Amino acid sequence: MLAANSGISTKNLPEAENRGYGISTTRRMLVDGMSGQYMMVSGDTVYVNTKAGSGYFELPYGIRFEGTIIALRIPYWNDEFEYVNYIE
C-alpha cells in the first residue's frame, strides 16, 4: 500500500511502461488541488489522506478485506483547481 500511494508501480513488467503515477497523482490532485478526501483499504490496512493530515491504520484483529477499495470524496466545485499543475 505504501508503494502504490508513493507512485511506485507494483506491476514491474519489463515490457510495460512501469510509471506507477496514477494513484499518487490522483490522490494529490484530489487532496492538495481540490481539498477532497482519499481513502484506500486493502487487506487489514487503511490509508487516509485529507487536508487535515494523512496516515496508515491497521484494522482490528480478524477484520480483513481481500482486494482493494479506493474511496474518493470529490468536492462539487473548486475554482482554484488547475489540473495542469499535476501533469507529470
PDB file of N, CA and C in Angstrom:
ATOM      1  N   MET A   1       0.824  -1.179   0.000  1.00  0.00           N
ATOM      2  CA  MET A   1       0.000   0.000   0.000  1.00  0.00           C
ATOM      3  C   MET A   1       0.874   1.251   0.000  1.00  0.00           C
ATOM      4  N   LEU A   2       1.943   1.227   0.732  1.00  0.00           N
ATOM      5  CA  LEU A   2       2.858   2.370   0.767  1.00  0.00           C
ATOM      6  C   LEU A   2       3.425   2.636  -0.629  1.00  0.00           C
ATOM      7  N   ALA A   3       3.820   1.592  -1.345  1.00  0.00           N
ATOM      8  CA  ALA A   3       4.376   1.759  -2.692  1.00  0.00           C
ATOM      9  C   ALA A   3       3.345   2.368  -3.635  1.00  0.00           C
ATOM     10  N   ALA A   4       2.132   1.856  -3.614  1.00  0.00           N
ATOM     11  CA  ALA A   4       1.084   2.353  -4.510  1.00  0.00           C
ATOM     12  C   ALA A   4       0.778   3.819  -4.263  1.00  0.00           C
ATOM     13  N   ASN A   5       0.756   4.248  -3.015  1.00  0.00           N
ATOM     14  CA  ASN A   5       0.434   5.630  -2.687  1.00  0.00           C
ATOM     15  C   ASN A   5       1.632   6.564  -2.823  1.00  0.00           C
ATOM     16  N   SER A   6       2.810   6.005  -3.098  1.00  0.00           N
ATOM     17  CA  SER A   6       4.020   6.813  -3.269  1.00  0.00           C
ATOM     18  C   SER A   6       4.449   6.936  -4.723  1.00  0.00           C
ATOM     19  N   GLY A   7       3.674   6.366  -5.653  1.00  0.00           N
ATOM     20  CA  GLY A   7       3.998   6.468  -7.068  1.00  0.00           C
ATOM     21  C   GLY A   7       4.912   5.377  -7.583  1.00  0.00           C
ATOM     22  N   ILE A   8       5.021   4.266  -6.869  1.00  0.00           N
ATOM     23  CA  ILE A   8       5.848   3.144  -7.303  1.00  0.00           C
ATOM     24  C   ILE A   8       4.935   2.084  -7.892  1.00  0.00           C
ATOM     25  N   SER A   9       5.221   1.670  -9.132  1.00  0.00           N
ATOM     26  CA  SER A   9       4.399   0.666  -9.789  1.00  0.00           C
ATOM     27  C   SER A   9       4.585  -0.685  -9.116  1.00  0.00           C
ATOM     28  N   THR A  10       3.484  -1.396  -8.927  1.00  0.00           N
ATOM     29  CA  THR A  10       3.555  -2.734  -8.339  1.00  0.00           C
ATOM     30  C   THR A  10       3.542  -3.808  -9.423  1.00  0.00           C
ATOM     31  N   LYS A  11       3.395  -3.416 -10.694  1.00  0.00           N
ATOM     32  CA  LYS A  11       3.332  -4.394 -11.782  1.00  0.00           C
ATOM     33  C   LYS A  11       4.705  -4.931 -12.144  1.00  0.00           C
ATOM     34  N   ASN A  12       5.702  -4.051 -12.260  1.00  0.00           N
ATOM     35  CA  ASN A  12       7.076  -4.441 -12.566  1.00  0.00           C
ATOM     36  C   ASN A  12       7.160  -5.367 -13.778  1.00  0.00           C
ATOM     37  N   LEU A  13       6.541  -4.947 -14.885  1.00  0.00           N
ATOM     38  CA  LEU A  13       6.583  -5.725 -16.115  1.00  0.00           C
ATOM     39  C   LEU A  13       7.655  -5.149 -17.040  1.00  0.00           C
ATOM     40  N   PRO A  14       8.646  -5.954 -17.433  1.00  0.00           N
ATOM     41  CA  PRO A  14       9.751  -5.435 -18.248  1.00  0.00           C
ATOM     42  C   PRO A  14       9.292  -4.832 -19.578  1.00  0.00           C
ATOM     43  N   GLU A  15       8.242  -5.393 -20.193  1.00  0.00           N
ATOM     44  CA  GLU A  15       7.796  -4.923 -21.499  1.00  0.00           C
ATOM     45  C   GLU A  15       6.792  -3.765 -21.400  1.00  0.00           C
ATOM     46  N   ALA A  16       6.444  -3.360 -20.198  1.00  0.00           N
ATOM     47  CA  ALA A  16       5.444  -2.304 -20.000  1.00  0.00           C
ATOM     48  C   ALA A  16       6.094  -1.039 -19.445  1.00  0.00           C
ATOM     49  N   GLU A  17       5.389   0.067 -19.620  1.00  0.00           N
ATOM     50  CA  GLU A  17       5.831   1.327 -19.031  1.00  0.00           C
ATOM     51  C   GLU A  17       5.434   1.315 -17.559  1.00  0.00           C
ATOM     52  N   ASN A  18       6.383   1.137 -16.673  1.00  0.00           N
ATOM     53  CA  ASN A  18       6.108   0.986 -15.245  1.00  0.00           C
ATOM     54  C   ASN A  18       6.095   2.333 -14.533  1.00  0.00           C
ATOM     55  N   ARG A  19       5.204   3.231 -14.940  1.00  0.00           N
ATOM     56  CA  ARG A  19       5.168   4.567 -14.365  1.00  0.00           C
ATOM     57  C   ARG A  19       4.722   4.555 -12.915  1.00  0.00           C
ATOM     58  N   GLY A  20       3.538   4.012 -12.659  1.00  0.00           N
ATOM     59  CA  GLY A  20       3.053   3.957 -11.296  1.00  0.00           C
ATOM     60  C   GLY A  20       2.601   5.285 -10.725  1.00  0.00           C
ATOM     61  N   TYR A  21       2.235   6.259 -11.555  1.00  0.00           N
ATOM     62  CA  TYR A  21       1.836   7.569 -11.055  1.00  0.00           C
ATOM     63  C   TYR A  21       0.328   7.736 -10.909  1.00  0.00           C
ATOM     64  N   GLY A  22      -0.469   6.835 -11.411  1.00  0.00           N
ATOM     65  CA  GLY A  22      -1.914   7.011 -11.441  1.00  0.00           C
ATOM     66  C   GLY A  22      -2.540   7.268 -10.084  1.00  0.00           C
ATOM     67  N   ILE A  23      -2.264   6.417  -9.125  1.00  0.00           N
ATOM     68  CA  ILE A  23      -2.855   6.557  -7.797  1.00  0.00           C
ATOM     69  C   ILE A  23      -2.296   7.774  -7.079  1.00  0.00           C
ATOM     70  N   SER A  24      -0.987   7.937  -7.086  1.00  0.00           N
ATOM     71  CA  SER A  24      -0.394   9.054  -6.330  1.00  0.00           C
ATOM     72  C   SER A  24      -0.763  10.412  -6.927  1.00  0.00           C
ATOM     73  N   THR A  25      -0.808  10.509  -8.257  1.00  0.00           N
ATOM     74  CA  THR A  25      -1.183  11.778  -8.886  1.00  0.00           C
ATOM     75  C   THR A  25      -2.650  12.090  -8.636  1.00  0.00           C
ATOM     76  N   THR A  26      -3.503  11.095  -8.764  1.00  0.00           N
ATOM     77  CA  THR A  26      -4.931  11.289  -8.496  1.00  0.00           C
ATOM     78  C   THR A  26      -5.142  11.749  -7.058  1.00  0.00           C
ATOM     79  N   ARG A  27      -4.441  11.121  -6.129  1.00  0.00           N
ATOM     80  CA  ARG A  27      -4.561  11.480  -4.713  1.00  0.00           C
ATOM     81  C   ARG A  27      -4.115  12.926  -4.476  1.00  0.00           C
ATOM     82  N   ARG A  28      -2.988  13.319  -5.053  1.00  0.00           N
ATOM     83  CA  ARG A  28      -2.502  14.701  -4.893  1.00  0.00           C
ATOM     84  C   ARG A  28      -3.464  15.711  -5.509  1.00  0.00           C
ATOM     85  N   MET A  29      -3.973  15.398  -6.704  1.00  0.00           N
ATOM     86  CA  MET A  29      -4.936  16.296  -7.349  1.00  0.00           C
ATOM     87  C   MET A  29      -6.176  16.478  -6.482  1.00  0.00           C
ATOM     88  N   LEU A  30      -6.669  15.378  -5.965  1.00  0.00           N
ATOM     89  CA  LEU A  30      -7.881  15.409  -5.160  1.00  0.00           C
ATOM     90  C   LEU A  30      -7.677  16.157  -3.845  1.00  0.00           C
ATOM     91  N   VAL A  31      -6.660  15.766  -3.081  1.00  0.00           N
ATOM     92  CA  VAL A  31      -6.457  16.323  -1.737  1.00  0.00           C
ATOM     93  C   VAL A  31      -5.819  17.713  -1.783  1.00  0.00           C
ATOM     94  N   ASP A  32      -4.694  17.841  -2.476  1.00  0.00           N
ATOM     95  CA  ASP A  32      -3.980  19.122  -2.498  1.00  0.00           C
ATOM     96  C   ASP A  32      -4.655  20.151  -3.402  1.00  0.00           C
ATOM     97  N   GLY A  33      -5.125  19.701  -4.566  1.00  0.00           N
ATOM     98  CA  GLY A  33      -5.686  20.630  -5.528  1.00  0.00           C
ATOM     99  C   GLY A  33      -7.149  20.970  -5.316  1.00  0.00           C
ATOM    100  N   MET A  34      -7.938  19.969  -4.914  1.00  0.00           N
ATOM    101  CA  MET A  34      -9.385  20.171  -4.818  1.00  0.00           C
ATOM    102  C   MET A  34      -9.910  20.176  -3.384  1.00  0.00           C
ATOM    103  N   SER A  35      -9.038  19.949  -2.410  1.00  0.00           N
ATOM    104  CA  SER A  35      -9.417  19.848  -0.994  1.00  0.00           C
ATOM    105  C   SER A  35     -10.433  18.725  -0.753  1.00  0.00           C
ATOM    106  N   GLY A  36     -10.258  17.638  -1.496  1.00  0.00           N
ATOM    107  CA  GLY A  36     -11.110  16.467  -1.314  1.00  0.00           C
ATOM    108  C   GLY A  36     -10.520  15.515  -0.288  1.00  0.00           C
ATOM    109  N   GLN A  37     -11.078  14.301  -0.221  1.00  0.00           N
ATOM    110  CA  GLN A  37     -10.612  13.294   0.731  1.00  0.00           C
ATOM    111  C   GLN A  37     -10.403  11.973   0.009  1.00  0.00           C
ATOM    112  N   TYR A  38      -9.395  11.205   0.457  1.00  0.00           N
ATOM    113  CA  TYR A  38      -8.981   9.963  -0.189  1.00  0.00           C
ATOM    114  C   TYR A  38      -8.829   8.878   0.868  1.00  0.00           C
ATOM    115  N   MET A  39      -9.316   7.680   0.538  1.00  0.00           N
ATOM    116  CA  MET A  39      -9.132   6.550   1.446  1.00  0.00           C
ATOM    117  C   MET A  39      -8.906   5.290   0.625  1.00  0.00           C
ATOM    118  N   MET A  40      -7.916   4.488   1.041  1.00  0.00           N
ATOM    119  CA  MET A  40      -7.639   3.195   0.417  1.00  0.00           C
ATOM    120  C   MET A  40      -7.685   2.129   1.504  1.00  0.00           C
ATOM    121  N   VAL A  41      -8.404   1.049   1.213  1.00  0.00           N
ATOM    122  CA  VAL A  41      -8.491  -0.090   2.125  1.00  0.00           C
ATOM    123  C   VAL A  41      -8.015  -1.320   1.375  1.00  0.00           C
ATOM    124  N   SER A  42      -7.073  -2.055   1.953  1.00  0.00           N
ATOM    125  CA  SER A  42      -6.578  -3.282   1.350  1.00  0.00           C
ATOM    126  C   SER A  42      -6.057  -4.191   2.457  1.00  0.00           C
ATOM    127  N   GLY A  43      -6.518  -5.424   2.439  1.00  0.00           N
ATOM    128  CA  GLY A  43      -6.110  -6.356   3.493  1.00  0.00           C
ATOM    129  C   GLY A  43      -6.579  -5.861   4.838  1.00  0.00           C
ATOM    130  N   ASP A  44      -5.651  -5.698   5.767  1.00  0.00           N
ATOM    131  CA  ASP A  44      -6.014  -5.223   7.105  1.00  0.00           C
ATOM    132  C   ASP A  44      -5.510  -3.799   7.356  1.00  0.00           C
ATOM    133  N   THR A  45      -5.260  -3.052   6.256  1.00  0.00           N
ATOM    134  CA  THR A  45      -4.699  -1.710   6.371  1.00  0.00           C
ATOM    135  C   THR A  45      -5.583  -0.679   5.682  1.00  0.00           C
ATOM    136  N   VAL A  46      -5.670   0.506   6.292  1.00  0.00           N
ATOM    137  CA  VAL A  46      -6.416   1.636   5.723  1.00  0.00           C
ATOM    138  C   VAL A  46      -5.454   2.812   5.632  1.00  0.00           C
ATOM    139  N   TYR A  47      -5.476   3.501   4.489  1.00  0.00           N
ATOM    140  CA  TYR A  47      -4.707   4.739   4.330  1.00  0.00           C
ATOM    141  C   TYR A  47      -5.703   5.861   4.080  1.00  0.00           C
ATOM    142  N   VAL A  48      -5.589   6.940   4.832  1.00  0.00           N
ATOM    143  CA  VAL A  48      -6.467   8.094   4.708  1.00  0.00           C
ATOM    144  C   VAL A  48      -5.614   9.328   4.453  1.00  0.00           C
ATOM    145  N   ASN A  49      -6.050  10.166   3.505  1.00  0.00           N
ATOM    146  CA  ASN A  49      -5.336  11.413   3.196  1.00  0.00           C
ATOM    147  C   ASN A  49      -6.362  12.524   2.999  1.00  0.00           C
ATOM    148  N   THR A  50      -6.252  13.567   3.833  1.00  0.00           N
ATOM    149  CA  THR A  50      -7.112  14.746   3.746  1.00  0.00           C
ATOM    150  C   THR A  50      -6.238  15.972   3.963  1.00  0.00           C
ATOM    151  N   LYS A  51      -6.803  17.157   3.805  1.00  0.00           N
ATOM    152  CA  LYS A  51      -6.055  18.388   4.082  1.00  0.00           C
ATOM    153  C   LYS A  51      -5.608  18.439   5.548  1.00  0.00           C
ATOM    154  N   ALA A  52      -6.362  17.789   6.426  1.00  0.00           N
ATOM    155  CA  ALA A  52      -6.032  17.796   7.856  1.00  0.00           C
ATOM    156  C   ALA A  52      -4.849  16.889   8.192  1.00  0.00           C
ATOM    157  N   GLY A  53      -4.521  15.950   7.297  1.00  0.00           N
ATOM    158  CA  GLY A  53      -3.411  15.046   7.552  1.00  0.00           C
ATOM    159  C   GLY A  53      -3.609  13.714   6.859  1.00  0.00           C
ATOM    160  N   SER A  54      -2.657  12.819   7.076  1.00  0.00           N
ATOM    161  CA  SER A  54      -2.737  11.500   6.464  1.00  0.00           C
ATOM    162  C   SER A  54      -2.119  10.468   7.394  1.00  0.00           C
ATOM    163  N   GLY A  55      -2.478   9.210   7.164  1.00  0.00           N
ATOM    164  CA  GLY A  55      -1.896   8.162   7.980  1.00  0.00           C
ATOM    165  C   GLY A  55      -2.381   6.781   7.600  1.00  0.00           C
ATOM    166  N   TYR A  56      -1.634   5.786   8.045  1.00  0.00           N
ATOM    167  CA  TYR A  56      -1.962   4.383   7.848  1.00  0.00           C
ATOM    168  C   TYR A  56      -2.506   3.838   9.156  1.00  0.00           C
ATOM    169  N   PHE A  57      -3.539   3.020   9.052  1.00  0.00           N
ATOM    170  CA  PHE A  57      -4.183   2.454  10.231  1.00  0.00           C
ATOM    171  C   PHE A  57      -4.410   0.966  10.019  1.00  0.00           C
ATOM    172  N   GLU A  58      -4.201   0.189  11.057  1.00  0.00           N
ATOM    173  CA  GLU A  58      -4.449  -1.246  10.992  1.00  0.00           C
ATOM    174  C   GLU A  58      -5.857  -1.527  11.499  1.00  0.00           C
ATOM    175  N   LEU A  59      -6.586  -2.349  10.750  1.00  0.00           N
ATOM    176  CA  LEU A  59      -7.930  -2.733  11.170  1.00  0.00           C
ATOM    177  C   LEU A  59      -7.838  -3.679  12.365  1.00  0.00           C
ATOM    178  N   PRO A  60      -8.891  -3.736  13.179  1.00  0.00           N
ATOM    179  CA  PRO A  60      -8.880  -4.644  14.333  1.00  0.00           C
ATOM    180  C   PRO A  60      -8.671  -6.100  13.903  1.00  0.00           C
ATOM    181  N   TYR A  61      -8.116  -6.886  14.803  1.00  0.00           N
ATOM    182  CA  TYR A  61      -7.826  -8.298  14.534  1.00  0.00           C
ATOM    183  C   TYR A  61      -9.080  -9.009  14.015  1.00  0.00           C
ATOM    184  N   GLY A  62      -8.898  -9.772  12.948  1.00  0.00           N
ATOM    185  CA  GLY A  62      -9.998 -10.543  12.379  1.00  0.00           C
ATOM    186  C   GLY A  62     -10.779  -9.812  11.294  1.00  0.00           C
ATOM    187  N   ILE A  63     -10.558  -8.515  11.145  1.00  0.00           N
ATOM    188  CA  ILE A  63     -11.232  -7.762  10.091  1.00  0.00           C
ATOM    189  C   ILE A  63     -10.237  -7.560   8.960  1.00  0.00           C
ATOM    190  N   ARG A  64     -10.587  -8.069   7.786  1.00  0.00           N
ATOM    191  CA  ARG A  64      -9.673  -8.044   6.651  1.00  0.00           C
ATOM    192  C   ARG A  64     -10.483  -7.963   5.363  1.00  0.00           C
ATOM    193  N   PHE A  65     -10.025  -7.155   4.425  1.00  0.00           N
ATOM    194  CA  PHE A  65     -10.683  -7.047   3.134  1.00  0.00           C
ATOM    195  C   PHE A  65      -9.772  -7.642   2.070  1.00  0.00           C
ATOM    196  N   GLU A  66     -10.242  -8.663   1.398  1.00  0.00           N
ATOM    197  CA  GLU A  66      -9.468  -9.281   0.320  1.00  0.00           C
ATOM    198  C   GLU A  66      -9.741  -8.499  -0.963  1.00  0.00           C
ATOM    199  N   GLY A  67      -8.764  -7.755  -1.390  1.00  0.00           N
ATOM    200  CA  GLY A  67      -8.905  -6.869  -2.534  1.00  0.00           C
ATOM    201  C   GLY A  67      -8.570  -5.457  -2.113  1.00  0.00           C
ATOM    202  N   THR A  68      -8.933  -4.494  -2.941  1.00  0.00           N
ATOM    203  CA  THR A  68      -8.636  -3.099  -2.643  1.00  0.00           C
ATOM    204  C   THR A  68      -9.834  -2.230  -2.953  1.00  0.00           C
ATOM    205  N   ILE A  69     -10.125  -1.314  -2.052  1.00  0.00           N
ATOM    206  CA  ILE A  69     -11.164  -0.313  -2.264  1.00  0.00           C
ATOM    207  C   ILE A  69     -10.497   1.052  -2.186  1.00  0.00           C
ATOM    208  N   ILE A  70     -10.802   1.917  -3.146  1.00  0.00           N
ATOM    209  CA  ILE A  70     -10.357   3.307  -3.087  1.00  0.00           C
ATOM    210  C   ILE A  70     -11.616   4.167  -3.076  1.00  0.00           C
ATOM    211  N   ALA A  71     -11.756   4.980  -2.033  1.00  0.00           N
ATOM    212  CA  ALA A  71     -12.917   5.860  -1.897  1.00  0.00           C
ATOM    213  C   ALA A  71     -12.447   7.307  -2.017  1.00  0.00           C
ATOM    214  N   LEU A  72     -13.162   8.086  -2.810  1.00  0.00           N
ATOM    215  CA  LEU A  72     -12.824   9.483  -3.048  1.00  0.00           C
ATOM    216  C   LEU A  72     -14.004  10.363  -2.681  1.00  0.00           C
ATOM    217  N   ARG A  73     -13.743  11.411  -1.920  1.00  0.00           N
ATOM    218  CA  ARG A  73     -14.753  12.441  -1.695  1.00  0.00           C
ATOM    219  C   ARG A  73     -14.347  13.620  -2.558  1.00  0.00           C
ATOM    220  N   ILE A  74     -15.077  13.800  -3.657  1.00  0.00           N
ATOM    221  CA  ILE A  74     -14.751  14.823  -4.641  1.00  0.00           C
ATOM    222  C   ILE A  74     -15.652  16.032  -4.397  1.00  0.00           C
ATOM    223  N   PRO A  75     -15.063  17.181  -4.089  1.00  0.00           N
ATOM    224  CA  PRO A  75     -15.874  18.377  -3.866  1.00  0.00           C
ATOM    225  C   PRO A  75     -16.655  18.743  -5.125  1.00  0.00           C
ATOM    226  N   TYR A  76     -17.802  19.346  -4.923  1.00  0.00           N
ATOM    227  CA  TYR A  76     -18.656  19.720  -6.045  1.00  0.00           C
ATOM    228  C   TYR A  76     -17.984  20.744  -6.948  1.00  0.00           C
ATOM    229  N   TRP A  77     -17.278  21.691  -6.363  1.00  0.00           N
ATOM    230  CA  TRP A  77     -16.665  22.751  -7.173  1.00  0.00           C
ATOM    231  C   TRP A  77     -15.464  23.345  -6.449  1.00  0.00           C
ATOM    232  N   ASN A  78     -14.429  23.670  -7.213  1.00  0.00           N
ATOM    233  CA  ASN A  78     -13.256  24.340  -6.662  1.00  0.00           C
ATOM    234  C   ASN A  78     -12.685  25.240  -7.757  1.00  0.00           C
ATOM    235  N   ASP A  79     -12.932  26.528  -7.671  1.00  0.00           N
ATOM    236  CA  ASP A  79     -12.498  27.486  -8.698  1.00  0.00           C
ATOM    237  C   ASP A  79     -10.986  27.575  -8.831  1.00  0.00           C
ATOM    238  N   GLU A  80     -10.244  27.224  -7.797  1.00  0.00           N
ATOM    239  CA  GLU A  80      -8.791  27.376  -7.805  1.00  0.00           C
ATOM    240  C   GLU A  80      -8.055  26.173  -8.394  1.00  0.00           C
ATOM    241  N   PHE A  81      -8.750  25.059  -8.645  1.00  0.00           N
ATOM    242  CA  PHE A  81      -8.100  23.842  -9.122  1.00  0.00           C
ATOM    243  C   PHE A  81      -7.671  23.971 -10.581  1.00  0.00           C
ATOM    244  N   GLU A  82      -6.409  23.635 -10.857  1.00  0.00           N
ATOM    245  CA  GLU A  82      -5.865  23.612 -12.217  1.00  0.00           C
ATOM    246  C   GLU A  82      -5.184  22.257 -12.426  1.00  0.00           C
ATOM    247  N   TYR A  83      -5.798  21.388 -13.220  1.00  0.00           N
ATOM    248  CA  TYR A  83      -5.252  20.050 -13.404  1.00  0.00           C
ATOM    249  C   TYR A  83      -3.846  20.069 -14.018  1.00  0.00           C
ATOM    250  N   VAL A  84      -3.517  21.082 -14.790  1.00  0.00           N
ATOM    251  CA  VAL A  84      -2.191  21.142 -15.424  1.00  0.00           C
ATOM    252  C   VAL A  84      -1.067  21.238 -14.407  1.00  0.00           C
ATOM    253  N   ASN A  85      -1.372  21.636 -13.186  1.00  0.00           N
ATOM    254  CA  ASN A  85      -0.355  21.693 -12.134  1.00  0.00           C
ATOM    255  C   ASN A  85       0.083  20.306 -11.677  1.00  0.00           C
ATOM    256  N   TYR A  86      -0.621  19.253 -12.111  1.00  0.00           N
ATOM    257  CA  TYR A  86      -0.330  17.898 -11.643  1.00  0.00           C
ATOM    258  C   TYR A  86       0.118  16.961 -12.766  1.00  0.00           C
ATOM    259  N   ILE A  87       0.319  17.485 -13.952  1.00  0.00           N
ATOM    260  CA  ILE A  87       0.780  16.659 -15.071  1.00  0.00           C
ATOM    261  C   ILE A  87       2.245  16.317 -14.857  1.00  0.00           C
ATOM    262  N   GLU A  88       2.562  15.020 -14.979  1.00  0.00           N
ATOM    263  CA  GLU A  88       3.939  14.572 -14.767  1.00  0.00           C
ATOM    264  C   GLU A  88       4.559  14.093 -16.060  1.00  0.00           C
TER     265      GLU A  88
END
